[in-house]
Amino acid sequence: GNVFLWGHSLGGEVTLRTLLALPRDAAVRVRAAALWSTVGGSLWERAAYLARSGALPADPEGEVGARALAAVDALRGELAALATPYDWRADETLARIGALEVPLLLQHGLGDRSTPYEWSERLAVAARVAGRPVQLVAVPTADHFFVGAERERAVARDVAF
């Protein structure tokens, strides 16, 4: 009765998916979850963002827009080639956020370039619209994992939550 989950970056997405997969009558009841700099966004937004950020190879002309669209096309091709069909719509956490049963604390650096702050903001808005309890803290840092005093304050917020 005193279980809390914490996830950072892609681990935040994994934590959220875990919460959404837990059966309502699970023997272990998670009381709340804290997500730092979570991935968020749709599968397609993430592919385009990675391409724009330079995490994926550039196209020959170096065009950012073309690179983002090429990343989406490549991902579509990979999904189509799977042996078992994959319905990405059924797997979108934002579309299923109404089923979330625990309060969320989201903390995200405003200048984070690994995962944009807007992804946590979008998750918070979707949770609020669905009537789920959520808090969003905009941390004044560009560090993806927070450092020094910002990390200490983030941990203190988690513990208080």
N, C-alpha and C. Protein backbone atom coordinates (compact mmCIF):
# COMPACT_ATOMS: atom_id res chain seq x y z
N GLY A 1 0.81 -1.21 0.00
CA GLY A 1 0.00 0.00 0.00
C GLY A 1 0.83 1.25 0.00
N ASN A 2 2.16 1.12 -0.12
CA ASN A 2 3.01 2.31 -0.09
C ASN A 2 4.01 2.25 -1.24
N VAL A 3 3.51 1.95 -2.45
CA VAL A 3 4.36 1.80 -3.62
C VAL A 3 4.23 3.05 -4.49
N PHE A 4 5.37 3.60 -4.87
CA PHE A 4 5.42 4.76 -5.75
C PHE A 4 6.36 4.42 -6.90
N LEU A 5 6.10 4.96 -8.06
CA LEU A 5 6.97 4.72 -9.21
C LEU A 5 7.63 6.03 -9.63
N TRP A 6 8.84 5.91 -10.15
CA TRP A 6 9.57 7.06 -10.67
C TRP A 6 10.17 6.65 -11.99
N GLY A 7 10.11 7.54 -12.97
CA GLY A 7 10.72 7.26 -14.25
C GLY A 7 11.33 8.52 -14.84
N HIS A 8 12.42 8.34 -15.58
CA HIS A 8 13.10 9.47 -16.20
C HIS A 8 13.25 9.22 -17.69
N SER A 9 12.95 10.23 -18.50
CA SER A 9 13.12 10.17 -19.94
C SER A 9 12.30 9.02 -20.53
N LEU A 10 12.93 8.10 -21.25
CA LEU A 10 12.19 6.96 -21.79
C LEU A 10 11.62 6.12 -20.65
N GLY A 11 12.29 6.10 -19.50
CA GLY A 11 11.78 5.41 -18.33
C GLY A 11 10.47 6.01 -17.83
N GLY A 12 10.26 7.30 -18.10
CA GLY A 12 8.98 7.92 -17.77
C GLY A 12 7.86 7.35 -18.61
N GLU A 13 8.13 7.13 -19.89
CA GLU A 13 7.14 6.52 -20.78
C GLU A 13 6.88 5.08 -20.36
N VAL A 14 7.94 4.35 -19.99
CA VAL A 14 7.79 2.97 -19.53
C VAL A 14 6.96 2.94 -18.25
N THR A 15 7.22 3.87 -17.34
CA THR A 15 6.46 3.95 -16.09
C THR A 15 4.99 4.22 -16.38
N LEU A 16 4.72 5.15 -17.27
CA LEU A 16 3.33 5.47 -17.62
C LEU A 16 2.64 4.27 -18.25
N ARG A 17 3.31 3.58 -19.15
CA ARG A 17 2.73 2.38 -19.77
C ARG A 17 2.49 1.28 -18.74
N THR A 18 3.39 1.16 -17.78
CA THR A 18 3.20 0.18 -16.70
C THR A 18 1.95 0.50 -15.90
N LEU A 19 1.79 1.77 -15.55
CA LEU A 19 0.60 2.19 -14.79
C LEU A 19 -0.68 1.90 -15.57
N LEU A 20 -0.66 2.14 -16.87
CA LEU A 20 -1.84 1.91 -17.68
C LEU A 20 -2.12 0.42 -17.89
N ALA A 21 -1.09 -0.42 -17.73
CA ALA A 21 -1.27 -1.85 -17.92
C ALA A 21 -1.69 -2.59 -16.65
N LEU A 22 -1.53 -1.96 -15.50
CA LEU A 22 -1.88 -2.62 -14.25
C LEU A 22 -3.38 -2.87 -14.18
N PRO A 23 -3.78 -4.09 -13.83
CA PRO A 23 -5.22 -4.34 -13.66
C PRO A 23 -5.74 -3.60 -12.43
N ARG A 24 -7.00 -3.20 -12.50
CA ARG A 24 -7.58 -2.44 -11.39
C ARG A 24 -7.53 -3.19 -10.06
N ASP A 25 -7.57 -4.49 -10.11
CA ASP A 25 -7.56 -5.28 -8.88
C ASP A 25 -6.17 -5.82 -8.55
N ALA A 26 -5.14 -5.15 -9.03
CA ALA A 26 -3.78 -5.62 -8.81
C ALA A 26 -3.49 -5.71 -7.31
N ALA A 27 -2.76 -6.76 -6.93
CA ALA A 27 -2.43 -6.97 -5.52
C ALA A 27 -1.58 -5.81 -5.00
N VAL A 28 -0.70 -5.30 -5.85
CA VAL A 28 0.13 -4.16 -5.47
C VAL A 28 -0.53 -2.90 -6.00
N ARG A 29 -0.86 -2.01 -5.12
CA ARG A 29 -1.48 -0.75 -5.53
C ARG A 29 -0.43 0.35 -5.54
N VAL A 30 -0.22 0.93 -6.67
CA VAL A 30 0.70 2.05 -6.78
C VAL A 30 -0.05 3.30 -6.36
N ARG A 31 0.54 4.09 -5.47
CA ARG A 31 -0.15 5.26 -4.93
C ARG A 31 0.05 6.51 -5.78
N ALA A 32 1.21 6.63 -6.43
CA ALA A 32 1.50 7.81 -7.24
C ALA A 32 2.73 7.54 -8.08
N ALA A 33 2.97 8.42 -9.05
CA ALA A 33 4.16 8.29 -9.89
C ALA A 33 4.74 9.66 -10.19
N ALA A 34 6.06 9.71 -10.25
CA ALA A 34 6.77 10.93 -10.61
C ALA A 34 7.56 10.65 -11.89
N LEU A 35 7.41 11.54 -12.86
CA LEU A 35 8.11 11.40 -14.13
C LEU A 35 8.97 12.63 -14.36
N TRP A 36 10.24 12.41 -14.64
CA TRP A 36 11.16 13.50 -14.93
C TRP A 36 11.50 13.48 -16.42
N SER A 37 11.41 14.62 -17.05
CA SER A 37 11.85 14.78 -18.44
C SER A 37 11.34 13.65 -19.32
N THR A 38 10.06 13.33 -19.18
CA THR A 38 9.52 12.15 -19.83
C THR A 38 9.45 12.32 -21.35
N VAL A 39 9.45 11.20 -22.04
CA VAL A 39 9.45 11.20 -23.49
C VAL A 39 8.17 11.82 -24.03
N GLY A 40 7.02 11.24 -23.73
CA GLY A 40 5.75 11.82 -24.16
C GLY A 40 5.64 12.03 -25.66
N GLY A 41 4.62 12.72 -26.08
CA GLY A 41 4.40 12.92 -27.50
C GLY A 41 3.98 11.61 -28.16
N SER A 42 3.52 11.70 -29.38
CA SER A 42 3.12 10.50 -30.09
C SER A 42 4.35 9.83 -30.69
N LEU A 43 4.19 8.61 -31.12
CA LEU A 43 5.25 7.87 -31.79
C LEU A 43 5.80 8.67 -32.96
N TRP A 44 4.93 9.32 -33.70
CA TRP A 44 5.32 10.08 -34.90
C TRP A 44 6.04 11.36 -34.52
N GLU A 45 5.56 12.03 -33.48
CA GLU A 45 6.25 13.24 -33.02
C GLU A 45 7.66 12.93 -32.56
N ARG A 46 7.83 11.81 -31.88
CA ARG A 46 9.15 11.44 -31.40
C ARG A 46 10.09 11.17 -32.56
N ALA A 47 9.61 10.46 -33.58
CA ALA A 47 10.46 10.18 -34.75
C ALA A 47 10.88 11.49 -35.43
N ALA A 48 9.93 12.39 -35.61
CA ALA A 48 10.25 13.67 -36.26
C ALA A 48 11.18 14.50 -35.40
N TYR A 49 10.97 14.50 -34.09
CA TYR A 49 11.83 15.28 -33.19
C TYR A 49 13.27 14.77 -33.23
N LEU A 50 13.43 13.45 -33.19
CA LEU A 50 14.78 12.88 -33.24
C LEU A 50 15.48 13.28 -34.54
N ALA A 51 14.74 13.28 -35.62
CA ALA A 51 15.33 13.68 -36.90
C ALA A 51 15.72 15.15 -36.88
N ARG A 52 14.84 16.00 -36.38
CA ARG A 52 15.13 17.44 -36.33
C ARG A 52 16.30 17.75 -35.41
N SER A 53 16.42 16.98 -34.32
CA SER A 53 17.45 17.28 -33.32
C SER A 53 18.84 16.86 -33.79
N GLY A 54 18.90 16.12 -34.88
CA GLY A 54 20.20 15.66 -35.37
C GLY A 54 20.60 14.31 -34.83
N ALA A 55 19.71 13.67 -34.07
CA ALA A 55 20.00 12.35 -33.52
C ALA A 55 19.99 11.28 -34.62
N LEU A 56 19.35 11.58 -35.73
CA LEU A 56 19.33 10.67 -36.88
C LEU A 56 20.17 11.28 -37.99
N PRO A 57 20.67 10.45 -38.91
CA PRO A 57 21.50 10.99 -39.99
C PRO A 57 20.73 12.00 -40.85
N ALA A 58 21.45 13.00 -41.32
CA ALA A 58 20.83 14.00 -42.19
C ALA A 58 20.65 13.45 -43.59
N ASP A 59 19.66 14.01 -44.28
CA ASP A 59 19.50 13.64 -45.69
C ASP A 59 20.61 14.34 -46.48
N PRO A 60 20.83 13.95 -47.73
CA PRO A 60 21.96 14.51 -48.50
C PRO A 60 21.97 16.04 -48.57
N GLU A 61 20.81 16.66 -48.63
CA GLU A 61 20.77 18.11 -48.71
C GLU A 61 20.80 18.76 -47.34
N GLY A 62 20.69 17.95 -46.27
CA GLY A 62 20.74 18.49 -44.92
C GLY A 62 19.48 19.24 -44.52
N GLU A 63 18.38 19.00 -45.22
CA GLU A 63 17.15 19.72 -44.91
C GLU A 63 16.48 19.09 -43.70
N VAL A 64 16.25 19.91 -42.68
CA VAL A 64 15.67 19.42 -41.44
C VAL A 64 14.26 18.90 -41.67
N GLY A 65 13.43 19.64 -42.38
CA GLY A 65 12.06 19.22 -42.62
C GLY A 65 12.00 17.91 -43.38
N ALA A 66 12.82 17.79 -44.41
CA ALA A 66 12.86 16.55 -45.18
C ALA A 66 13.35 15.39 -44.32
N ARG A 67 14.29 15.68 -43.44
CA ARG A 67 14.83 14.65 -42.54
C ARG A 67 13.74 14.15 -41.60
N ALA A 68 12.93 15.07 -41.07
CA ALA A 68 11.85 14.68 -40.16
C ALA A 68 10.82 13.82 -40.89
N LEU A 69 10.46 14.22 -42.10
CA LEU A 69 9.48 13.44 -42.86
C LEU A 69 10.05 12.08 -43.26
N ALA A 70 11.34 12.04 -43.58
CA ALA A 70 11.97 10.78 -43.93
C ALA A 70 11.98 9.83 -42.72
N ALA A 71 12.15 10.38 -41.53
CA ALA A 71 12.14 9.55 -40.32
C ALA A 71 10.76 8.94 -40.11
N VAL A 72 9.72 9.72 -40.35
CA VAL A 72 8.35 9.21 -40.22
C VAL A 72 8.11 8.11 -41.26
N ASP A 73 8.55 8.35 -42.50
CA ASP A 73 8.38 7.33 -43.55
C ASP A 73 9.14 6.05 -43.21
N ALA A 74 10.35 6.19 -42.67
CA ALA A 74 11.15 5.02 -42.30
C ALA A 74 10.45 4.23 -41.19
N LEU A 75 9.90 4.93 -40.23
CA LEU A 75 9.20 4.26 -39.14
C LEU A 75 7.95 3.55 -39.66
N ARG A 76 7.22 4.19 -40.56
CA ARG A 76 6.05 3.54 -41.16
C ARG A 76 6.47 2.25 -41.86
N GLY A 77 7.58 2.28 -42.58
CA GLY A 77 8.08 1.09 -43.26
C GLY A 77 8.44 -0.02 -42.29
N GLU A 78 9.10 0.34 -41.18
CA GLU A 78 9.47 -0.65 -40.18
C GLU A 78 8.23 -1.28 -39.55
N LEU A 79 7.22 -0.47 -39.25
CA LEU A 79 5.99 -1.00 -38.66
C LEU A 79 5.26 -1.92 -39.64
N ALA A 80 5.25 -1.54 -40.92
CA ALA A 80 4.58 -2.36 -41.94
C ALA A 80 5.29 -3.70 -42.14
N ALA A 81 6.59 -3.73 -41.88
CA ALA A 81 7.37 -4.96 -42.10
C ALA A 81 7.30 -5.94 -40.93
N LEU A 82 6.68 -5.55 -39.84
CA LEU A 82 6.59 -6.45 -38.68
C LEU A 82 5.78 -7.69 -39.02
N ALA A 83 6.16 -8.82 -38.45
CA ALA A 83 5.44 -10.07 -38.70
C ALA A 83 4.02 -10.01 -38.15
N THR A 84 3.84 -9.34 -37.04
CA THR A 84 2.52 -9.15 -36.44
C THR A 84 2.13 -7.69 -36.62
N PRO A 85 0.96 -7.42 -37.17
CA PRO A 85 0.56 -6.01 -37.36
C PRO A 85 0.59 -5.24 -36.03
N TYR A 86 1.03 -4.01 -36.11
CA TYR A 86 1.13 -3.14 -34.93
C TYR A 86 0.18 -1.97 -35.10
N ASP A 87 -0.77 -1.86 -34.19
CA ASP A 87 -1.73 -0.75 -34.23
C ASP A 87 -1.22 0.35 -33.31
N TRP A 88 -0.50 1.32 -33.87
CA TRP A 88 0.09 2.37 -33.07
C TRP A 88 -0.98 3.22 -32.37
N ARG A 89 -2.17 3.34 -32.94
CA ARG A 89 -3.23 4.14 -32.32
C ARG A 89 -3.65 3.55 -30.97
N ALA A 90 -3.68 2.23 -30.88
CA ALA A 90 -4.08 1.57 -29.64
C ALA A 90 -2.98 1.66 -28.59
N ASP A 91 -1.79 2.05 -28.99
CA ASP A 91 -0.64 2.07 -28.09
C ASP A 91 -0.28 3.48 -27.62
N GLU A 92 -0.99 4.49 -28.06
CA GLU A 92 -0.67 5.86 -27.69
C GLU A 92 -1.10 6.14 -26.25
N THR A 93 -0.15 6.48 -25.40
CA THR A 93 -0.49 6.74 -23.99
C THR A 93 -1.39 7.94 -23.83
N LEU A 94 -1.22 8.96 -24.63
CA LEU A 94 -2.07 10.15 -24.50
C LEU A 94 -3.54 9.82 -24.75
N ALA A 95 -3.79 8.89 -25.66
CA ALA A 95 -5.17 8.51 -25.97
C ALA A 95 -5.79 7.67 -24.85
N ARG A 96 -4.95 7.04 -24.03
CA ARG A 96 -5.45 6.16 -22.97
C ARG A 96 -5.31 6.75 -21.58
N ILE A 97 -4.90 8.01 -21.49
CA ILE A 97 -4.58 8.61 -20.19
C ILE A 97 -5.78 8.65 -19.24
N GLY A 98 -6.98 8.63 -19.77
CA GLY A 98 -8.18 8.62 -18.93
C GLY A 98 -8.28 7.39 -18.05
N ALA A 99 -7.59 6.32 -18.41
CA ALA A 99 -7.61 5.08 -17.61
C ALA A 99 -6.61 5.12 -16.46
N LEU A 100 -5.79 6.14 -16.40
CA LEU A 100 -4.79 6.25 -15.35
C LEU A 100 -5.47 6.41 -13.99
N GLU A 101 -5.04 5.64 -13.01
CA GLU A 101 -5.69 5.66 -11.71
C GLU A 101 -4.86 6.29 -10.60
N VAL A 102 -3.64 6.74 -10.91
CA VAL A 102 -2.80 7.31 -9.86
C VAL A 102 -2.43 8.75 -10.18
N PRO A 103 -2.19 9.55 -9.16
CA PRO A 103 -1.73 10.93 -9.40
C PRO A 103 -0.33 10.93 -10.01
N LEU A 104 -0.09 11.92 -10.86
CA LEU A 104 1.21 12.09 -11.51
C LEU A 104 1.85 13.40 -11.09
N LEU A 105 3.16 13.36 -10.87
CA LEU A 105 3.96 14.57 -10.73
C LEU A 105 4.94 14.57 -11.89
N LEU A 106 4.84 15.58 -12.74
CA LEU A 106 5.73 15.71 -13.89
C LEU A 106 6.71 16.85 -13.62
N GLN A 107 8.00 16.59 -13.79
CA GLN A 107 9.02 17.62 -13.65
C GLN A 107 9.86 17.59 -14.92
N HIS A 108 10.06 18.77 -15.51
CA HIS A 108 10.74 18.83 -16.80
C HIS A 108 11.51 20.14 -16.91
N GLY A 109 12.73 20.07 -17.38
CA GLY A 109 13.54 21.27 -17.60
C GLY A 109 13.01 22.05 -18.79
N LEU A 110 12.84 23.34 -18.60
CA LEU A 110 12.31 24.19 -19.67
C LEU A 110 13.20 24.20 -20.91
N GLY A 111 14.49 24.07 -20.72
CA GLY A 111 15.42 24.11 -21.85
C GLY A 111 15.93 22.76 -22.28
N ASP A 112 15.33 21.68 -21.81
CA ASP A 112 15.76 20.32 -22.14
C ASP A 112 15.72 20.12 -23.66
N ARG A 113 16.86 19.71 -24.23
CA ARG A 113 16.92 19.47 -25.67
C ARG A 113 16.84 17.98 -26.00
N SER A 114 16.93 17.11 -25.00
CA SER A 114 16.80 15.67 -25.24
C SER A 114 15.34 15.30 -25.41
N THR A 115 14.51 15.82 -24.53
CA THR A 115 13.06 15.65 -24.62
C THR A 115 12.45 17.01 -24.36
N PRO A 116 11.70 17.55 -25.29
CA PRO A 116 11.18 18.90 -25.12
C PRO A 116 10.16 19.01 -23.98
N TYR A 117 10.23 20.12 -23.27
CA TYR A 117 9.31 20.41 -22.17
C TYR A 117 7.85 20.26 -22.61
N GLU A 118 7.56 20.61 -23.85
CA GLU A 118 6.18 20.55 -24.36
C GLU A 118 5.57 19.15 -24.27
N TRP A 119 6.40 18.11 -24.29
CA TRP A 119 5.86 16.76 -24.18
C TRP A 119 5.26 16.52 -22.80
N SER A 120 5.93 16.98 -21.75
CA SER A 120 5.35 16.85 -20.40
C SER A 120 4.13 17.74 -20.26
N GLU A 121 4.20 18.91 -20.88
CA GLU A 121 3.06 19.83 -20.83
C GLU A 121 1.84 19.19 -21.52
N ARG A 122 2.05 18.57 -22.66
CA ARG A 122 0.95 17.93 -23.38
C ARG A 122 0.37 16.78 -22.55
N LEU A 123 1.23 16.00 -21.90
CA LEU A 123 0.78 14.91 -21.05
C LEU A 123 -0.05 15.45 -19.88
N ALA A 124 0.42 16.53 -19.27
CA ALA A 124 -0.30 17.13 -18.15
C ALA A 124 -1.68 17.64 -18.58
N VAL A 125 -1.73 18.27 -19.73
CA VAL A 125 -3.02 18.78 -20.24
C VAL A 125 -3.97 17.62 -20.53
N ALA A 126 -3.46 16.57 -21.17
CA ALA A 126 -4.32 15.41 -21.48
C ALA A 126 -4.85 14.78 -20.21
N ALA A 127 -4.00 14.66 -19.18
CA ALA A 127 -4.44 14.09 -17.91
C ALA A 127 -5.49 14.98 -17.25
N ARG A 128 -5.27 16.27 -17.26
CA ARG A 128 -6.23 17.20 -16.65
C ARG A 128 -7.57 17.16 -17.38
N VAL A 129 -7.54 17.16 -18.71
CA VAL A 129 -8.78 17.09 -19.51
C VAL A 129 -9.53 15.81 -19.19
N ALA A 130 -8.79 14.71 -18.96
CA ALA A 130 -9.41 13.43 -18.64
C ALA A 130 -9.84 13.33 -17.17
N GLY A 131 -9.59 14.40 -16.40
CA GLY A 131 -10.00 14.41 -15.01
C GLY A 131 -9.06 13.66 -14.08
N ARG A 132 -7.83 13.44 -14.51
CA ARG A 132 -6.86 12.73 -13.69
C ARG A 132 -6.04 13.74 -12.89
N PRO A 133 -5.63 13.37 -11.67
CA PRO A 133 -4.81 14.29 -10.86
C PRO A 133 -3.38 14.36 -11.38
N VAL A 134 -2.92 15.57 -11.65
CA VAL A 134 -1.59 15.76 -12.21
C VAL A 134 -1.04 17.11 -11.77
N GLN A 135 0.26 17.15 -11.53
CA GLN A 135 0.98 18.39 -11.27
C GLN A 135 2.13 18.47 -12.26
N LEU A 136 2.39 19.66 -12.77
CA LEU A 136 3.49 19.87 -13.71
C LEU A 136 4.39 20.95 -13.15
N VAL A 137 5.68 20.64 -13.03
CA VAL A 137 6.67 21.59 -12.54
C VAL A 137 7.65 21.87 -13.67
N ALA A 138 7.72 23.14 -14.06
CA ALA A 138 8.69 23.58 -15.06
C ALA A 138 9.98 23.93 -14.31
N VAL A 139 11.01 23.11 -14.50
CA VAL A 139 12.28 23.31 -13.80
C VAL A 139 13.15 24.25 -14.64
N PRO A 140 13.68 25.31 -14.03
CA PRO A 140 14.46 26.30 -14.79
C PRO A 140 15.88 25.80 -15.10
N THR A 141 15.96 24.80 -15.97
CA THR A 141 17.25 24.24 -16.35
C THR A 141 17.16 23.68 -17.77
N ALA A 142 18.31 23.52 -18.40
CA ALA A 142 18.36 22.86 -19.69
C ALA A 142 18.87 21.43 -19.53
N ASP A 143 19.27 21.06 -18.32
CA ASP A 143 19.82 19.74 -18.08
C ASP A 143 18.71 18.69 -18.12
N HIS A 144 18.95 17.61 -18.81
CA HIS A 144 17.96 16.55 -18.98
C HIS A 144 17.70 15.78 -17.68
N PHE A 145 18.69 15.69 -16.82
CA PHE A 145 18.53 14.94 -15.57
C PHE A 145 18.62 15.85 -14.35
N PHE A 146 18.61 17.15 -14.56
CA PHE A 146 18.75 18.13 -13.48
C PHE A 146 20.12 17.93 -12.80
N VAL A 147 20.67 18.98 -12.27
CA VAL A 147 21.96 18.90 -11.59
C VAL A 147 21.93 19.75 -10.33
N GLY A 148 22.81 19.42 -9.41
CA GLY A 148 23.01 20.21 -8.21
C GLY A 148 21.74 20.49 -7.44
N ALA A 149 21.54 21.77 -7.14
CA ALA A 149 20.40 22.20 -6.33
C ALA A 149 19.07 21.89 -7.01
N GLU A 150 19.02 21.95 -8.34
CA GLU A 150 17.77 21.63 -9.06
C GLU A 150 17.39 20.16 -8.84
N ARG A 151 18.38 19.28 -8.86
CA ARG A 151 18.10 17.87 -8.62
C ARG A 151 17.61 17.67 -7.18
N GLU A 152 18.25 18.32 -6.23
CA GLU A 152 17.84 18.21 -4.83
C GLU A 152 16.40 18.69 -4.64
N ARG A 153 16.06 19.80 -5.27
CA ARG A 153 14.68 20.31 -5.17
C ARG A 153 13.69 19.35 -5.84
N ALA A 154 14.08 18.77 -6.96
CA ALA A 154 13.19 17.83 -7.66
C ALA A 154 12.94 16.59 -6.79
N VAL A 155 14.00 16.08 -6.16
CA VAL A 155 13.83 14.92 -5.27
C VAL A 155 12.93 15.30 -4.10
N ALA A 156 13.13 16.48 -3.53
CA ALA A 156 12.29 16.92 -2.40
C ALA A 156 10.83 17.03 -2.82
N ARG A 157 10.57 17.52 -4.06
CA ARG A 157 9.18 17.59 -4.55
C ARG A 157 8.61 16.20 -4.68
N ASP A 158 9.40 15.25 -5.20
CA ASP A 158 8.94 13.87 -5.32
C ASP A 158 8.56 13.30 -3.95
N VAL A 159 9.42 13.48 -2.97
CA VAL A 159 9.18 12.95 -1.63
C VAL A 159 7.93 13.58 -1.02
N ALA A 160 7.77 14.88 -1.17
CA ALA A 160 6.58 15.57 -0.64
C ALA A 160 5.32 15.09 -1.35
N PHE A 161 5.41 14.83 -2.63
CA PHE A 161 4.27 14.38 -3.41
C PHE A 161 3.82 13.01 -2.93
